């Protein structure tokens, strides 16, 4: 799944060498934090968050039914974060 996230993000990011991916695996959830330079934030999130929402949808569709849920967070280096699954609780994965 991380390969899918990397592939999609890198299609929009100009500064691919400075994109970082951190994976935090919990019991029922895998949190993937994508850290981008400020210059790439708008490109990866898209107008009104359309690209970010599409990324979230693709990750949901590609995740097998009984597998851990993936939560993707996009953040600016040293700055703001955009969580793509705002309404998610770990209890929802049960």
PDB file of N, CA and C in Angstrom:
ATOM      1  N   UNK A   1       0.824  -1.191   0.000  1.00  0.00           N
ATOM      2  CA  UNK A   1       0.000   0.000   0.000  1.00  0.00           C
ATOM      3  C   UNK A   1       0.870   1.258   0.000  1.00  0.00           C
ATOM      4  N   UNK A   2       1.994   1.181   0.707  1.00  0.00           N
ATOM      5  CA  UNK A   2       2.902   2.326   0.749  1.00  0.00           C
ATOM      6  C   UNK A   2       3.409   2.650  -0.655  1.00  0.00           C
ATOM      7  N   UNK A   3       3.634   1.627  -1.466  1.00  0.00           N
ATOM      8  CA  UNK A   3       4.085   1.856  -2.843  1.00  0.00           C
ATOM      9  C   UNK A   3       3.041   2.633  -3.645  1.00  0.00           C
ATOM     10  N   UNK A   4       1.770   2.326  -3.439  1.00  0.00           N
ATOM     11  CA  UNK A   4       0.695   3.044  -4.121  1.00  0.00           C
ATOM     12  C   UNK A   4       0.683   4.507  -3.696  1.00  0.00           C
ATOM     13  N   UNK A   5       0.786   4.754  -2.395  1.00  0.00           N
ATOM     14  CA  UNK A   5       0.794   6.125  -1.879  1.00  0.00           C
ATOM     15  C   UNK A   5       1.985   6.893  -2.446  1.00  0.00           C
ATOM     16  N   UNK A   6       3.164   6.269  -2.421  1.00  0.00           N
ATOM     17  CA  UNK A   6       4.366   6.922  -2.960  1.00  0.00           C
ATOM     18  C   UNK A   6       4.188   7.245  -4.441  1.00  0.00           C
ATOM     19  N   UNK A   7       3.676   6.301  -5.191  1.00  0.00           N
ATOM     20  CA  UNK A   7       3.503   6.498  -6.627  1.00  0.00           C
ATOM     21  C   UNK A   7       2.597   7.697  -6.907  1.00  0.00           C
ATOM     22  N   UNK A   8       1.473   7.769  -6.223  1.00  0.00           N
ATOM     23  CA  UNK A   8       0.518   8.851  -6.464  1.00  0.00           C
ATOM     24  C   UNK A   8       1.105  10.194  -6.046  1.00  0.00           C
ATOM     25  N   UNK A   9       1.690  10.264  -4.861  1.00  0.00           N
ATOM     26  CA  UNK A   9       2.258  11.526  -4.372  1.00  0.00           C
ATOM     27  C   UNK A   9       3.354  12.013  -5.312  1.00  0.00           C
ATOM     28  N   UNK A  10       4.195  11.116  -5.760  1.00  0.00           N
ATOM     29  CA  UNK A  10       5.328  11.523  -6.590  1.00  0.00           C
ATOM     30  C   UNK A  10       4.919  11.938  -8.002  1.00  0.00           C
ATOM     31  N   UNK A  11       3.696  11.643  -8.410  1.00  0.00           N
ATOM     32  CA  UNK A  11       3.201  12.136  -9.697  1.00  0.00           C
ATOM     33  C   UNK A  11       2.957  13.640  -9.646  1.00  0.00           C
ATOM     34  N   UNK A  12       2.697  14.177  -8.459  1.00  0.00           N
ATOM     35  CA  UNK A  12       2.365  15.591  -8.308  1.00  0.00           C
ATOM     36  C   UNK A  12       3.496  16.412  -7.701  1.00  0.00           C
ATOM     37  N   UNK A  13       4.365  15.791  -6.928  1.00  0.00           N
ATOM     38  CA  UNK A  13       5.449  16.513  -6.251  1.00  0.00           C
ATOM     39  C   UNK A  13       6.586  16.790  -7.231  1.00  0.00           C
ATOM     40  N   UNK A  14       7.066  18.026  -7.235  1.00  0.00           N
ATOM     41  CA  UNK A  14       8.214  18.385  -8.069  1.00  0.00           C
ATOM     42  C   UNK A  14       9.524  18.021  -7.384  1.00  0.00           C
ATOM     43  N   UNK A  15       9.562  18.178  -6.072  1.00  0.00           N
ATOM     44  CA  UNK A  15      10.784  17.952  -5.291  1.00  0.00           C
ATOM     45  C   UNK A  15      10.727  16.562  -4.652  1.00  0.00           C
ATOM     46  N   UNK A  16      10.749  15.529  -5.477  1.00  0.00           N
ATOM     47  CA  UNK A  16      10.563  14.144  -5.018  1.00  0.00           C
ATOM     48  C   UNK A  16      11.615  13.690  -4.012  1.00  0.00           C
ATOM     49  N   UNK A  17      12.820  14.238  -4.114  1.00  0.00           N
ATOM     50  CA  UNK A  17      13.906  13.828  -3.215  1.00  0.00           C
ATOM     51  C   UNK A  17      13.651  14.263  -1.770  1.00  0.00           C
ATOM     52  N   UNK A  18      12.839  15.301  -1.584  1.00  0.00           N
ATOM     53  CA  UNK A  18      12.577  15.810  -0.239  1.00  0.00           C
ATOM     54  C   UNK A  18      11.229  15.374   0.323  1.00  0.00           C
ATOM     55  N   UNK A  19      10.609  14.395  -0.284  1.00  0.00           N
ATOM     56  CA  UNK A  19       9.357  13.844   0.242  1.00  0.00           C
ATOM     57  C   UNK A  19       9.724  12.704   1.188  1.00  0.00           C
ATOM     58  N   UNK A  20       9.159  12.730   2.392  1.00  0.00           N
ATOM     59  CA  UNK A  20       9.434  11.690   3.388  1.00  0.00           C
ATOM     60  C   UNK A  20       8.143  10.946   3.715  1.00  0.00           C
ATOM     61  N   UNK A  21       8.291   9.655   3.980  1.00  0.00           N
ATOM     62  CA  UNK A  21       7.151   8.803   4.328  1.00  0.00           C
ATOM     63  C   UNK A  21       7.450   8.138   5.662  1.00  0.00           C
ATOM     64  N   UNK A  22       6.589   8.361   6.638  1.00  0.00           N
ATOM     65  CA  UNK A  22       6.730   7.716   7.944  1.00  0.00           C
ATOM     66  C   UNK A  22       5.521   6.813   8.154  1.00  0.00           C
ATOM     67  N   UNK A  23       5.780   5.584   8.553  1.00  0.00           N
ATOM     68  CA  UNK A  23       4.709   4.611   8.765  1.00  0.00           C
ATOM     69  C   UNK A  23       4.657   4.263  10.243  1.00  0.00           C
ATOM     70  N   UNK A  24       3.466   4.415  10.828  1.00  0.00           N
ATOM     71  CA  UNK A  24       3.248   4.084  12.230  1.00  0.00           C
ATOM     72  C   UNK A  24       2.156   3.014  12.273  1.00  0.00           C
ATOM     73  N   UNK A  25       2.556   1.788  12.538  1.00  0.00           N
ATOM     74  CA  UNK A  25       1.616   0.669  12.519  1.00  0.00           C
ATOM     75  C   UNK A  25       1.092   0.408  13.925  1.00  0.00           C
ATOM     76  N   UNK A  26      -0.227   0.419  14.054  1.00  0.00           N
ATOM     77  CA  UNK A  26      -0.890   0.120  15.322  1.00  0.00           C
ATOM     78  C   UNK A  26      -1.645  -1.192  15.161  1.00  0.00           C
ATOM     79  N   UNK A  27      -2.424  -1.536  16.179  1.00  0.00           N
ATOM     80  CA  UNK A  27      -3.116  -2.821  16.159  1.00  0.00           C
ATOM     81  C   UNK A  27      -4.046  -2.980  14.957  1.00  0.00           C
ATOM     82  N   UNK A  28      -4.858  -1.979  14.683  1.00  0.00           N
ATOM     83  CA  UNK A  28      -5.840  -2.082  13.604  1.00  0.00           C
ATOM     84  C   UNK A  28      -5.668  -1.018  12.520  1.00  0.00           C
ATOM     85  N   UNK A  29      -4.689  -0.146  12.694  1.00  0.00           N
ATOM     86  CA  UNK A  29      -4.529   0.998  11.805  1.00  0.00           C
ATOM     87  C   UNK A  29      -3.074   1.152  11.396  1.00  0.00           C
ATOM     88  N   UNK A  30      -2.862   1.546  10.163  1.00  0.00           N
ATOM     89  CA  UNK A  30      -1.531   1.923   9.696  1.00  0.00           C
ATOM     90  C   UNK A  30      -1.615   3.398   9.316  1.00  0.00           C
ATOM     91  N   UNK A  31      -0.874   4.237  10.037  1.00  0.00           N
ATOM     92  CA  UNK A  31      -0.853   5.667   9.747  1.00  0.00           C
ATOM     93  C   UNK A  31       0.361   5.969   8.884  1.00  0.00           C
ATOM     94  N   UNK A  32       0.129   6.560   7.731  1.00  0.00           N
ATOM     95  CA  UNK A  32       1.213   6.949   6.832  1.00  0.00           C
ATOM     96  C   UNK A  32       1.246   8.474   6.802  1.00  0.00           C
ATOM     97  N   UNK A  33       2.370   9.047   7.230  1.00  0.00           N
ATOM     98  CA  UNK A  33       2.544  10.493   7.210  1.00  0.00           C
ATOM     99  C   UNK A  33       3.475  10.847   6.060  1.00  0.00           C
ATOM    100  N   UNK A  34       2.974  11.667   5.160  1.00  0.00           N
ATOM    101  CA  UNK A  34       3.758  12.131   4.016  1.00  0.00           C
ATOM    102  C   UNK A  34       4.174  13.564   4.323  1.00  0.00           C
ATOM    103  N   UNK A  35       5.484  13.810   4.381  1.00  0.00           N
ATOM    104  CA  UNK A  35       6.001  15.141   4.670  1.00  0.00           C
ATOM    105  C   UNK A  35       6.585  15.719   3.388  1.00  0.00           C
ATOM    106  N   UNK A  36       6.071  16.895   3.016  1.00  0.00           N
ATOM    107  CA  UNK A  36       6.435  17.524   1.747  1.00  0.00           C
ATOM    108  C   UNK A  36       7.028  18.908   1.962  1.00  0.00           C
ATOM    109  N   UNK A  37       7.844  19.375   1.011  1.00  0.00           N
ATOM    110  CA  UNK A  37       8.253  20.778   1.041  1.00  0.00           C
ATOM    111  C   UNK A  37       7.022  21.662   0.807  1.00  0.00           C
ATOM    112  N   UNK A  38       7.058  22.882   1.314  1.00  0.00           N
ATOM    113  CA  UNK A  38       5.925  23.800   1.178  1.00  0.00           C
ATOM    114  C   UNK A  38       5.538  24.015  -0.286  1.00  0.00           C
ATOM    115  N   UNK A  39       6.519  23.993  -1.167  1.00  0.00           N
ATOM    116  CA  UNK A  39       6.254  24.241  -2.588  1.00  0.00           C
ATOM    117  C   UNK A  39       5.402  23.146  -3.238  1.00  0.00           C
ATOM    118  N   UNK A  40       5.351  21.972  -2.647  1.00  0.00           N
ATOM    119  CA  UNK A  40       4.583  20.860  -3.219  1.00  0.00           C
ATOM    120  C   UNK A  40       3.242  20.614  -2.531  1.00  0.00           C
ATOM    121  N   UNK A  41       2.977  21.279  -1.426  1.00  0.00           N
ATOM    122  CA  UNK A  41       1.742  21.017  -0.678  1.00  0.00           C
ATOM    123  C   UNK A  41       0.494  21.214  -1.540  1.00  0.00           C
ATOM    124  N   UNK A  42       0.392  22.346  -2.195  1.00  0.00           N
ATOM    125  CA  UNK A  42      -0.790  22.641  -2.998  1.00  0.00           C
ATOM    126  C   UNK A  42      -0.977  21.676  -4.148  1.00  0.00           C
ATOM    127  N   UNK A  43       0.120  21.255  -4.740  1.00  0.00           N
ATOM    128  CA  UNK A  43       0.047  20.336  -5.880  1.00  0.00           C
ATOM    129  C   UNK A  43      -0.450  18.963  -5.453  1.00  0.00           C
ATOM    130  N   UNK A  44      -0.002  18.494  -4.292  1.00  0.00           N
ATOM    131  CA  UNK A  44      -0.380  17.158  -3.829  1.00  0.00           C
ATOM    132  C   UNK A  44      -1.789  17.155  -3.248  1.00  0.00           C
ATOM    133  N   UNK A  45      -2.183  18.231  -2.592  1.00  0.00           N
ATOM    134  CA  UNK A  45      -3.531  18.297  -2.018  1.00  0.00           C
ATOM    135  C   UNK A  45      -4.558  18.623  -3.099  1.00  0.00           C
ATOM    136  N   UNK A  46      -4.210  19.512  -4.020  1.00  0.00           N
ATOM    137  CA  UNK A  46      -5.109  19.865  -5.113  1.00  0.00           C
ATOM    138  C   UNK A  46      -6.134  20.909  -4.712  1.00  0.00           C
ATOM    139  N   UNK A  47      -6.819  21.452  -5.716  1.00  0.00           N
ATOM    140  CA  UNK A  47      -7.855  22.456  -5.458  1.00  0.00           C
ATOM    141  C   UNK A  47      -8.968  21.825  -4.638  1.00  0.00           C
ATOM    142  N   UNK A  48      -9.314  22.495  -3.561  1.00  0.00           N
ATOM    143  CA  UNK A  48     -10.366  22.045  -2.646  1.00  0.00           C
ATOM    144  C   UNK A  48     -10.124  20.625  -2.154  1.00  0.00           C
ATOM    145  N   UNK A  49      -8.856  20.205  -2.139  1.00  0.00           N
ATOM    146  CA  UNK A  49      -8.504  18.890  -1.609  1.00  0.00           C
ATOM    147  C   UNK A  49      -8.877  17.720  -2.503  1.00  0.00           C
ATOM    148  N   UNK A  50      -9.124  17.975  -3.771  1.00  0.00           N
ATOM    149  CA  UNK A  50      -9.598  16.912  -4.665  1.00  0.00           C
ATOM    150  C   UNK A  50      -8.581  15.788  -4.848  1.00  0.00           C
ATOM    151  N   UNK A  51      -7.310  16.133  -4.987  1.00  0.00           N
ATOM    152  CA  UNK A  51      -6.297  15.089  -5.165  1.00  0.00           C
ATOM    153  C   UNK A  51      -6.143  14.295  -3.875  1.00  0.00           C
ATOM    154  N   UNK A  52      -6.147  14.991  -2.740  1.00  0.00           N
ATOM    155  CA  UNK A  52      -6.027  14.308  -1.451  1.00  0.00           C
ATOM    156  C   UNK A  52      -7.210  13.364  -1.227  1.00  0.00           C
ATOM    157  N   UNK A  53      -8.411  13.807  -1.578  1.00  0.00           N
ATOM    158  CA  UNK A  53      -9.592  12.951  -1.432  1.00  0.00           C
ATOM    159  C   UNK A  53      -9.513  11.740  -2.361  1.00  0.00           C
ATOM    160  N   UNK A  54      -9.018  11.959  -3.572  1.00  0.00           N
ATOM    161  CA  UNK A  54      -8.866  10.847  -4.517  1.00  0.00           C
ATOM    162  C   UNK A  54      -7.840   9.843  -3.997  1.00  0.00           C
ATOM    163  N   UNK A  55      -6.758  10.341  -3.411  1.00  0.00           N
ATOM    164  CA  UNK A  55      -5.746   9.459  -2.815  1.00  0.00           C
ATOM    165  C   UNK A  55      -6.378   8.620  -1.711  1.00  0.00           C
ATOM    166  N   UNK A  56      -7.156   9.249  -0.866  1.00  0.00           N
ATOM    167  CA  UNK A  56      -7.837   8.533   0.223  1.00  0.00           C
ATOM    168  C   UNK A  56      -8.753   7.446  -0.336  1.00  0.00           C
ATOM    169  N   UNK A  57      -9.516   7.781  -1.363  1.00  0.00           N
ATOM    170  CA  UNK A  57     -10.433   6.817  -1.968  1.00  0.00           C
ATOM    171  C   UNK A  57      -9.681   5.634  -2.571  1.00  0.00           C
ATOM    172  N   UNK A  58      -8.596   5.908  -3.289  1.00  0.00           N
ATOM    173  CA  UNK A  58      -7.809   4.826  -3.880  1.00  0.00           C
ATOM    174  C   UNK A  58      -7.222   3.906  -2.817  1.00  0.00           C
ATOM    175  N   UNK A  59      -6.748   4.484  -1.724  1.00  0.00           N
ATOM    176  CA  UNK A  59      -6.184   3.670  -0.639  1.00  0.00           C
ATOM    177  C   UNK A  59      -7.276   2.805  -0.019  1.00  0.00           C
ATOM    178  N   UNK A  60      -8.469   3.367   0.177  1.00  0.00           N
ATOM    179  CA  UNK A  60      -9.578   2.590   0.741  1.00  0.00           C
ATOM    180  C   UNK A  60      -9.966   1.437  -0.177  1.00  0.00           C
ATOM    181  N   UNK A  61     -10.042   1.700  -1.467  1.00  0.00           N
ATOM    182  CA  UNK A  61     -10.448   0.677  -2.432  1.00  0.00           C
ATOM    183  C   UNK A  61      -9.395  -0.421  -2.543  1.00  0.00           C
ATOM    184  N   UNK A  62      -8.126  -0.053  -2.455  1.00  0.00           N
ATOM    185  CA  UNK A  62      -7.039  -1.022  -2.616  1.00  0.00           C
ATOM    186  C   UNK A  62      -6.786  -1.842  -1.355  1.00  0.00           C
ATOM    187  N   UNK A  63      -7.361  -1.436  -0.227  1.00  0.00           N
ATOM    188  CA  UNK A  63      -7.161  -2.156   1.026  1.00  0.00           C
ATOM    189  C   UNK A  63      -8.124  -3.341   1.100  1.00  0.00           C
ATOM    190  N   UNK A  64      -7.612  -4.551   1.300  1.00  0.00           N
ATOM    191  CA  UNK A  64      -8.497  -5.715   1.441  1.00  0.00           C
ATOM    192  C   UNK A  64      -9.476  -5.531   2.607  1.00  0.00           C
ATOM    193  N   UNK A  65     -10.611  -6.155   2.510  1.00  0.00           N
ATOM    194  CA  UNK A  65     -11.706  -5.962   3.460  1.00  0.00           C
ATOM    195  C   UNK A  65     -11.304  -6.183   4.920  1.00  0.00           C
ATOM    196  N   UNK A  66     -10.610  -7.240   5.237  1.00  0.00           N
ATOM    197  CA  UNK A  66     -10.277  -7.543   6.631  1.00  0.00           C
ATOM    198  C   UNK A  66      -8.882  -7.080   7.032  1.00  0.00           C
ATOM    199  N   UNK A  67      -8.260  -6.268   6.211  1.00  0.00           N
ATOM    200  CA  UNK A  67      -6.909  -5.781   6.511  1.00  0.00           C
ATOM    201  C   UNK A  67      -6.981  -4.555   7.422  1.00  0.00           C
ATOM    202  N   UNK A  68      -5.826  -4.134   7.891  1.00  0.00           N
ATOM    203  CA  UNK A  68      -5.752  -2.920   8.703  1.00  0.00           C
ATOM    204  C   UNK A  68      -6.171  -1.724   7.856  1.00  0.00           C
ATOM    205  N   UNK A  69      -6.769  -0.751   8.513  1.00  0.00           N
ATOM    206  CA  UNK A  69      -7.190   0.467   7.828  1.00  0.00           C
ATOM    207  C   UNK A  69      -5.994   1.404   7.696  1.00  0.00           C
ATOM    208  N   UNK A  70      -5.863   2.046   6.544  1.00  0.00           N
ATOM    209  CA  UNK A  70      -4.788   3.003   6.307  1.00  0.00           C
ATOM    210  C   UNK A  70      -5.320   4.416   6.473  1.00  0.00           C
ATOM    211  N   UNK A  71      -4.585   5.231   7.204  1.00  0.00           N
ATOM    212  CA  UNK A  71      -4.895   6.639   7.373  1.00  0.00           C
ATOM    213  C   UNK A  71      -3.699   7.410   6.836  1.00  0.00           C
ATOM    214  N   UNK A  72      -3.939   8.298   5.880  1.00  0.00           N
ATOM    215  CA  UNK A  72      -2.861   9.060   5.261  1.00  0.00           C
ATOM    216  C   UNK A  72      -2.927  10.497   5.761  1.00  0.00           C
ATOM    217  N   UNK A  73      -1.799  11.006   6.211  1.00  0.00           N
ATOM    218  CA  UNK A  73      -1.693  12.391   6.656  1.00  0.00           C
ATOM    219  C   UNK A  73      -0.632  13.064   5.799  1.00  0.00           C
ATOM    220  N   UNK A  74      -0.967  14.229   5.265  1.00  0.00           N
ATOM    221  CA  UNK A  74      -0.017  14.995   4.462  1.00  0.00           C
ATOM    222  C   UNK A  74       0.368  16.220   5.268  1.00  0.00           C
ATOM    223  N   UNK A  75       1.673  16.420   5.445  1.00  0.00           N
ATOM    224  CA  UNK A  75       2.102  17.585   6.214  1.00  0.00           C
ATOM    225  C   UNK A  75       3.257  18.294   5.529  1.00  0.00           C
ATOM    226  N   UNK A  76       3.320  19.586   5.803  1.00  0.00           N
ATOM    227  CA  UNK A  76       4.393  20.420   5.291  1.00  0.00           C
ATOM    228  C   UNK A  76       5.595  20.269   6.208  1.00  0.00           C
ATOM    229  N   UNK A  77       6.786  20.267   5.639  1.00  0.00           N
ATOM    230  CA  UNK A  77       7.991  20.167   6.470  1.00  0.00           C
ATOM    231  C   UNK A  77       7.974  21.285   7.498  1.00  0.00           C
ATOM    232  N   UNK A  78       7.964  20.901   8.770  1.00  0.00           N
ATOM    233  CA  UNK A  78       7.969  21.872   9.858  1.00  0.00           C
ATOM    234  C   UNK A  78       6.701  22.689   9.969  1.00  0.00           C
ATOM    235  N   UNK A  79       5.591  22.182   9.433  1.00  0.00           N
ATOM    236  CA  UNK A  79       4.389  23.008   9.445  1.00  0.00           C
ATOM    237  C   UNK A  79       3.100  22.244   9.605  1.00  0.00           C
ATOM    238  N   UNK A  80       2.110  22.683   8.858  1.00  0.00           N
ATOM    239  CA  UNK A  80       0.735  22.196   8.971  1.00  0.00           C
ATOM    240  C   UNK A  80       0.563  20.780   8.444  1.00  0.00           C
ATOM    241  N   UNK A  81      -0.487  20.122   8.937  1.00  0.00           N
ATOM    242  CA  UNK A  81      -0.797  18.760   8.501  1.00  0.00           C
ATOM    243  C   UNK A  81      -2.241  18.691   8.026  1.00  0.00           C
ATOM    244  N   UNK A  82      -2.488  17.830   7.052  1.00  0.00           N
ATOM    245  CA  UNK A  82      -3.832  17.562   6.554  1.00  0.00           C
ATOM    246  C   UNK A  82      -4.061  16.076   6.696  1.00  0.00           C
ATOM    247  N   UNK A  83      -4.993  15.693   7.574  1.00  0.00           N
ATOM    248  CA  UNK A  83      -5.301  14.277   7.774  1.00  0.00           C
ATOM    249  C   UNK A  83      -6.431  13.906   6.829  1.00  0.00           C
ATOM    250  N   UNK A  84      -6.239  12.848   6.070  1.00  0.00           N
ATOM    251  CA  UNK A  84      -7.209  12.504   5.042  1.00  0.00           C
ATOM    252  C   UNK A  84      -8.342  11.629   5.540  1.00  0.00           C
ATOM    253  N   UNK A  85      -8.358  11.311   6.804  1.00  0.00           N
ATOM    254  CA  UNK A  85      -9.443  10.507   7.353  1.00  0.00           C
ATOM    255  C   UNK A  85      -9.835  11.100   8.696  1.00  0.00           C
ATOM    256  N   UNK A  86     -10.331  12.333   8.666  1.00  0.00           N
ATOM    257  CA  UNK A  86     -10.617  13.123   9.858  1.00  0.00           C
ATOM    258  C   UNK A  86     -11.550  12.426  10.846  1.00  0.00           C
ATOM    259  N   UNK A  87     -12.561  11.734  10.337  1.00  0.00           N
ATOM    260  CA  UNK A  87     -13.597  11.173  11.197  1.00  0.00           C
ATOM    261  C   UNK A  87     -13.294   9.755  11.658  1.00  0.00           C
ATOM    262  N   UNK A  88     -12.072   9.314  11.520  1.00  0.00           N
ATOM    263  CA  UNK A  88     -11.735   7.929  11.834  1.00  0.00           C
ATOM    264  C   UNK A  88     -11.300   7.770  13.283  1.00  0.00           C
ATOM    265  N   UNK A  89     -11.839   6.763  13.950  1.00  0.00           N
ATOM    266  CA  UNK A  89     -11.383   6.327  15.269  1.00  0.00           C
ATOM    267  C   UNK A  89     -10.858   4.920  15.110  1.00  0.00           C
ATOM    268  N   UNK A  90      -9.923   4.531  15.949  1.00  0.00           N
ATOM    269  CA  UNK A  90      -9.403   3.173  15.866  1.00  0.00           C
ATOM    270  C   UNK A  90     -10.525   2.168  16.118  1.00  0.00           C
ATOM    271  N   UNK A  91     -11.546   2.558  16.880  1.00  0.00           N
ATOM    272  CA  UNK A  91     -12.671   1.669  17.165  1.00  0.00           C
ATOM    273  C   UNK A  91     -13.474   1.374  15.897  1.00  0.00           C
ATOM    274  N   UNK A  92     -13.465   2.306  14.919  1.00  0.00           N
ATOM    275  CA  UNK A  92     -14.208   2.108  13.675  1.00  0.00           C
ATOM    276  C   UNK A  92     -13.680   0.931  12.873  1.00  0.00           C
ATOM    277  N   UNK A  93     -12.426   0.570  13.082  1.00  0.00           N
ATOM    278  CA  UNK A  93     -11.807  -0.496  12.297  1.00  0.00           C
ATOM    279  C   UNK A  93     -12.271  -1.879  12.739  1.00  0.00           C
ATOM    280  N   UNK A  94     -12.949  -1.961  13.847  1.00  0.00           N
ATOM    281  CA  UNK A  94     -13.382  -3.266  14.368  1.00  0.00           C
ATOM    282  C   UNK A  94     -14.527  -3.840  13.569  1.00  0.00           C
TER     283      UNK A  94
END
